[in-house]
Amino acid sequence: MLTPSQIIFRLILAILCGGIIGWERELRAKTAGLRTHILLCLASSLAMLLAINFASQNYSGVDVTRIAAGVLQGIGLLCVAAVLRYKESVVGLSTSASLWMVAVVGLAVGAGFYFPALITTIFCLLILLFLSQVENRYIRKNWPKKLIIKISREPHLLEEVFSLIQTFSDGIKIVELKKNQDDQSIELIVEICSLIRKETLEEILKLKGIIKVEEIKESRF
């Protein structure tokens, strides 16, 4: 049977572990921040304490492991809510993963599995803090870029743009084409390989009738 001091210690440790991850998410203005992570880790810890209490009381017909399983299943709904899609961007994946992670940490703290819970919290914080910088510096800079090229409906202008793009067919492809009825313009969504030089884009901009070229900002994290 756990003493009141042991229960308080485990709940406070759960608050600290959830707060460490939530603090990092809060600094980055993510979907779920400090309070969400703390509450989730605290609730998970309490659920595990409840399971331990049931086990110590020898309740007949009670499967205490189902409480922990129910926590992990239920957190899936909150994790899905943390993932958002806006236009070309998907945001909230890391936050969703961190929510599920602090739920497991809370269960571990509630079970008295302190060292793995603390080490996992530290590893998670390091991953969130430093791997994002590695991704941005060495991986995401090589992602294909998408541009919106808006052109006027001048004769042969669309053919000129197509012709220019086809000369760089290994690095540029047209993703979508749509006509705007309001200003009688045409919008092309073009995907450009990272190997394409700036000079290539400048050649497109030199064409007469180009209204604007705008990069589509994509986020995947």
Protein backbone atom coordinates (compact mmCIF):
# COMPACT_ATOMS: atom_id res chain seq x y z
CA MET A 1 0.00 0.00 0.00
CA LEU A 2 1.45 3.35 -0.98
CA THR A 3 1.88 6.01 1.69
CA PRO A 4 0.54 9.58 1.18
CA SER A 5 4.11 10.88 0.83
CA GLN A 6 4.87 8.38 -1.95
CA ILE A 7 1.69 9.36 -3.78
CA ILE A 8 2.47 13.08 -3.51
CA PHE A 9 6.05 12.54 -4.67
CA ARG A 10 4.92 10.60 -7.75
CA LEU A 11 2.31 13.19 -8.68
CA ILE A 12 4.79 16.06 -8.29
CA LEU A 13 7.37 14.19 -10.39
CA ALA A 14 4.72 13.66 -13.07
CA ILE A 15 4.02 17.42 -13.06
CA LEU A 16 7.74 18.13 -13.50
CA CYS A 17 8.22 15.61 -16.32
CA GLY A 18 5.14 16.81 -18.20
CA GLY A 19 6.13 20.43 -17.56
CA ILE A 20 9.60 19.97 -19.06
CA ILE A 21 8.17 18.77 -22.39
CA GLY A 22 5.27 21.20 -22.28
CA TRP A 23 7.65 24.11 -21.69
CA GLU A 24 9.51 23.31 -24.90
CA ARG A 25 6.24 23.05 -26.86
CA GLU A 26 5.00 26.32 -25.32
CA LEU A 27 8.16 28.16 -26.36
CA ARG A 28 7.51 27.10 -29.96
CA ALA A 29 3.82 28.09 -29.76
CA LYS A 30 2.64 24.58 -30.59
CA THR A 31 -0.91 23.23 -30.54
CA ALA A 32 -0.62 21.78 -27.04
CA GLY A 33 1.59 23.59 -24.56
CA LEU A 34 2.62 23.64 -20.92
CA ARG A 35 -0.72 23.07 -19.17
CA THR A 36 -1.86 20.36 -21.58
CA HIS A 37 1.30 18.29 -21.14
CA ILE A 38 1.29 18.72 -17.36
CA LEU A 39 -2.37 17.75 -17.00
CA LEU A 40 -1.92 14.75 -19.27
CA CYS A 41 1.14 13.43 -17.46
CA LEU A 42 -0.48 14.04 -14.06
CA ALA A 43 -3.70 12.28 -15.07
CA SER A 44 -1.77 9.30 -16.44
CA SER A 45 0.20 9.06 -13.20
CA LEU A 46 -3.00 9.14 -11.17
CA ALA A 47 -4.50 6.42 -13.38
CA MET A 48 -1.51 4.18 -12.69
CA LEU A 49 -1.71 4.91 -8.95
CA LEU A 50 -5.36 3.92 -9.12
CA ALA A 51 -4.40 0.65 -10.85
CA ILE A 52 -1.78 -0.04 -8.16
CA ASN A 53 -4.34 0.69 -5.48
CA PHE A 54 -6.79 -1.76 -7.05
CA ALA A 55 -4.05 -4.39 -7.17
CA SER A 56 -3.10 -3.85 -3.51
CA GLN A 57 -6.74 -4.10 -2.43
CA ASN A 58 -7.08 -7.45 -4.27
CA TYR A 59 -10.30 -6.50 -6.01
CA SER A 60 -11.71 -9.65 -7.56
CA GLY A 61 -12.52 -9.51 -11.23
CA VAL A 62 -10.59 -6.25 -11.79
CA ASP A 63 -7.90 -6.29 -14.47
CA VAL A 64 -5.66 -3.42 -13.39
CA THR A 65 -3.64 -3.48 -16.62
CA ARG A 66 -6.71 -2.33 -18.52
CA ILE A 67 -6.50 1.07 -16.82
CA ALA A 68 -3.08 1.76 -18.34
CA ALA A 69 -4.25 0.40 -21.71
CA GLY A 70 -7.34 2.62 -21.54
CA VAL A 71 -5.16 5.70 -20.93
CA LEU A 72 -3.02 4.98 -24.01
CA GLN A 73 -6.09 4.33 -26.16
CA GLY A 74 -7.90 7.43 -24.94
CA ILE A 75 -4.92 9.70 -25.51
CA GLY A 76 -5.14 8.81 -29.20
CA LEU A 77 -8.17 11.11 -29.54
CA LEU A 78 -6.26 14.03 -28.04
CA CYS A 79 -3.26 13.28 -30.26
CA VAL A 80 -5.45 13.33 -33.37
CA ALA A 81 -6.90 16.69 -32.29
CA ALA A 82 -3.36 18.10 -32.05
CA VAL A 83 -2.65 17.35 -35.73
CA LEU A 84 -3.85 20.04 -38.14
CA ARG A 85 -3.73 20.37 -41.89
CA TYR A 86 -3.78 23.80 -43.45
CA LYS A 87 -3.37 24.13 -47.21
CA GLU A 88 -0.03 22.48 -47.98
CA SER A 89 1.08 22.16 -44.38
CA VAL A 90 0.70 19.46 -41.77
CA VAL A 91 1.42 20.70 -38.25
CA GLY A 92 1.18 19.15 -34.82
CA LEU A 93 2.75 15.75 -35.49
CA SER A 94 5.60 16.25 -33.01
CA THR A 95 3.20 17.69 -30.43
CA SER A 96 0.90 14.70 -30.89
CA ALA A 97 3.83 12.34 -30.36
CA SER A 98 4.98 14.28 -27.28
CA LEU A 99 1.46 14.04 -25.79
CA TRP A 100 1.45 10.29 -26.20
CA MET A 101 4.99 10.15 -24.76
CA VAL A 102 4.14 12.11 -21.59
CA ALA A 103 1.13 9.83 -21.08
CA VAL A 104 3.52 6.86 -20.97
CA VAL A 105 5.91 8.82 -18.71
CA GLY A 106 2.99 9.54 -16.37
CA LEU A 107 2.13 5.85 -16.22
CA ALA A 108 5.77 5.02 -15.49
CA VAL A 109 5.97 7.61 -12.69
CA GLY A 110 2.71 6.36 -11.21
CA ALA A 111 4.13 2.83 -11.21
CA GLY A 112 7.30 4.01 -9.44
CA PHE A 113 9.49 3.45 -12.49
CA TYR A 114 11.35 6.72 -11.82
CA PHE A 115 14.70 6.35 -13.58
CA PRO A 116 13.30 5.30 -17.00
CA ALA A 117 10.65 8.05 -16.74
CA LEU A 118 13.27 10.74 -16.07
CA ILE A 119 15.68 9.48 -18.74
CA THR A 120 12.86 9.29 -21.30
CA THR A 121 11.82 12.86 -20.44
CA ILE A 122 15.38 14.11 -20.95
CA PHE A 123 15.75 12.22 -24.25
CA CYS A 124 12.43 13.61 -25.49
CA LEU A 125 13.46 17.17 -24.61
CA LEU A 126 16.81 16.78 -26.40
CA ILE A 127 15.08 15.36 -29.49
CA LEU A 128 12.57 18.22 -29.63
CA LEU A 129 15.21 20.91 -29.02
CA PHE A 130 18.08 19.81 -31.21
CA LEU A 131 16.82 17.45 -33.90
CA SER A 132 14.58 20.17 -35.34
CA GLN A 133 17.71 22.27 -35.95
CA VAL A 134 19.42 19.34 -37.66
CA GLU A 135 16.34 18.78 -39.85
CA ASN A 136 16.16 22.42 -40.87
CA ARG A 137 19.88 22.68 -41.62
CA TYR A 138 20.60 19.40 -43.36
CA ILE A 139 17.31 17.81 -44.47
CA ARG A 140 14.49 20.29 -45.09
CA LYS A 141 16.65 22.63 -47.15
CA ASN A 142 16.73 19.88 -49.79
CA TRP A 143 12.93 19.49 -49.91
CA PRO A 144 11.29 20.39 -53.23
CA LYS A 145 9.79 23.87 -53.18
CA LYS A 146 6.36 24.79 -54.49
CA LEU A 147 5.69 28.11 -56.20
CA ILE A 148 2.51 29.84 -57.27
CA ILE A 149 3.10 31.55 -60.61
CA LYS A 150 0.31 33.97 -61.47
CA ILE A 151 0.20 35.07 -65.11
CA SER A 152 -2.12 37.20 -67.21
CA ARG A 153 -4.14 35.65 -70.03
CA GLU A 154 -2.07 37.11 -72.80
CA PRO A 155 -1.80 35.22 -76.12
CA HIS A 156 0.94 32.57 -76.15
CA LEU A 157 2.12 33.48 -72.62
CA LEU A 158 1.03 30.16 -71.14
CA GLU A 159 2.82 28.32 -73.95
CA GLU A 160 6.00 30.29 -73.22
CA VAL A 161 5.85 29.39 -69.56
CA PHE A 162 5.26 25.71 -70.39
CA SER A 163 8.10 25.76 -72.85
CA LEU A 164 10.50 27.29 -70.35
CA ILE A 165 9.49 24.80 -67.65
CA GLN A 166 9.95 21.87 -70.04
CA THR A 167 13.56 22.87 -70.61
CA PHE A 168 14.07 22.09 -66.92
CA SER A 169 11.79 19.06 -66.87
CA ASP A 170 14.18 17.14 -64.60
CA GLY A 171 13.80 19.74 -61.87
CA ILE A 172 10.45 21.46 -62.43
CA LYS A 173 6.98 20.00 -62.77
CA ILE A 174 3.50 21.52 -62.88
CA VAL A 175 1.31 20.33 -60.02
CA GLU A 176 -1.88 22.30 -60.64
CA LEU A 177 -3.36 24.85 -63.05
CA LYS A 178 -6.44 26.95 -62.36
CA LYS A 179 -8.12 29.99 -63.90
CA ASN A 180 -9.26 32.97 -61.85
CA GLN A 181 -12.48 34.45 -63.17
CA ASP A 182 -12.16 37.60 -61.03
CA ASP A 183 -9.06 39.13 -62.57
CA GLN A 184 -8.86 36.92 -65.68
CA SER A 185 -5.52 35.46 -64.62
CA ILE A 186 -4.08 31.95 -64.54
CA GLU A 187 -2.33 30.39 -61.55
CA LEU A 188 0.22 27.60 -61.89
CA ILE A 189 1.41 25.64 -58.88
CA VAL A 190 4.89 24.43 -59.74
CA GLU A 191 7.14 22.06 -57.78
CA ILE A 192 10.83 22.88 -58.08
CA CYS A 193 13.70 20.60 -57.17
CA SER A 194 16.21 22.03 -54.71
CA LEU A 195 18.95 21.68 -57.35
CA ILE A 196 17.34 24.36 -59.54
CA ARG A 197 19.38 27.54 -59.42
CA LYS A 198 18.02 31.01 -58.72
CA GLU A 199 18.90 32.00 -62.29
CA THR A 200 16.21 29.61 -63.54
CA LEU A 201 13.54 31.35 -61.51
CA GLU A 202 14.79 34.70 -62.70
CA GLU A 203 14.28 33.56 -66.29
CA ILE A 204 10.63 32.82 -65.49
CA LEU A 205 10.21 36.21 -63.84
CA LYS A 206 11.58 37.97 -66.93
CA LEU A 207 8.67 36.80 -69.04
CA LYS A 208 6.24 39.58 -69.85
CA GLY A 209 2.85 39.04 -68.24
CA ILE A 210 4.04 37.39 -65.04
CA ILE A 211 1.97 38.98 -62.26
CA LYS A 212 3.63 37.37 -59.25
CA VAL A 213 5.68 34.39 -58.12
CA GLU A 214 5.10 33.30 -54.54
CA GLU A 215 6.59 30.40 -52.61
CA ILE A 216 4.20 28.09 -50.74
CA LYS A 217 5.46 27.63 -47.22
CA GLU A 218 5.20 24.02 -46.12
CA SER A 219 5.47 22.78 -42.57
CA ARG A 220 5.77 19.14 -41.56
CA PHE A 221 6.52 18.54 -37.92
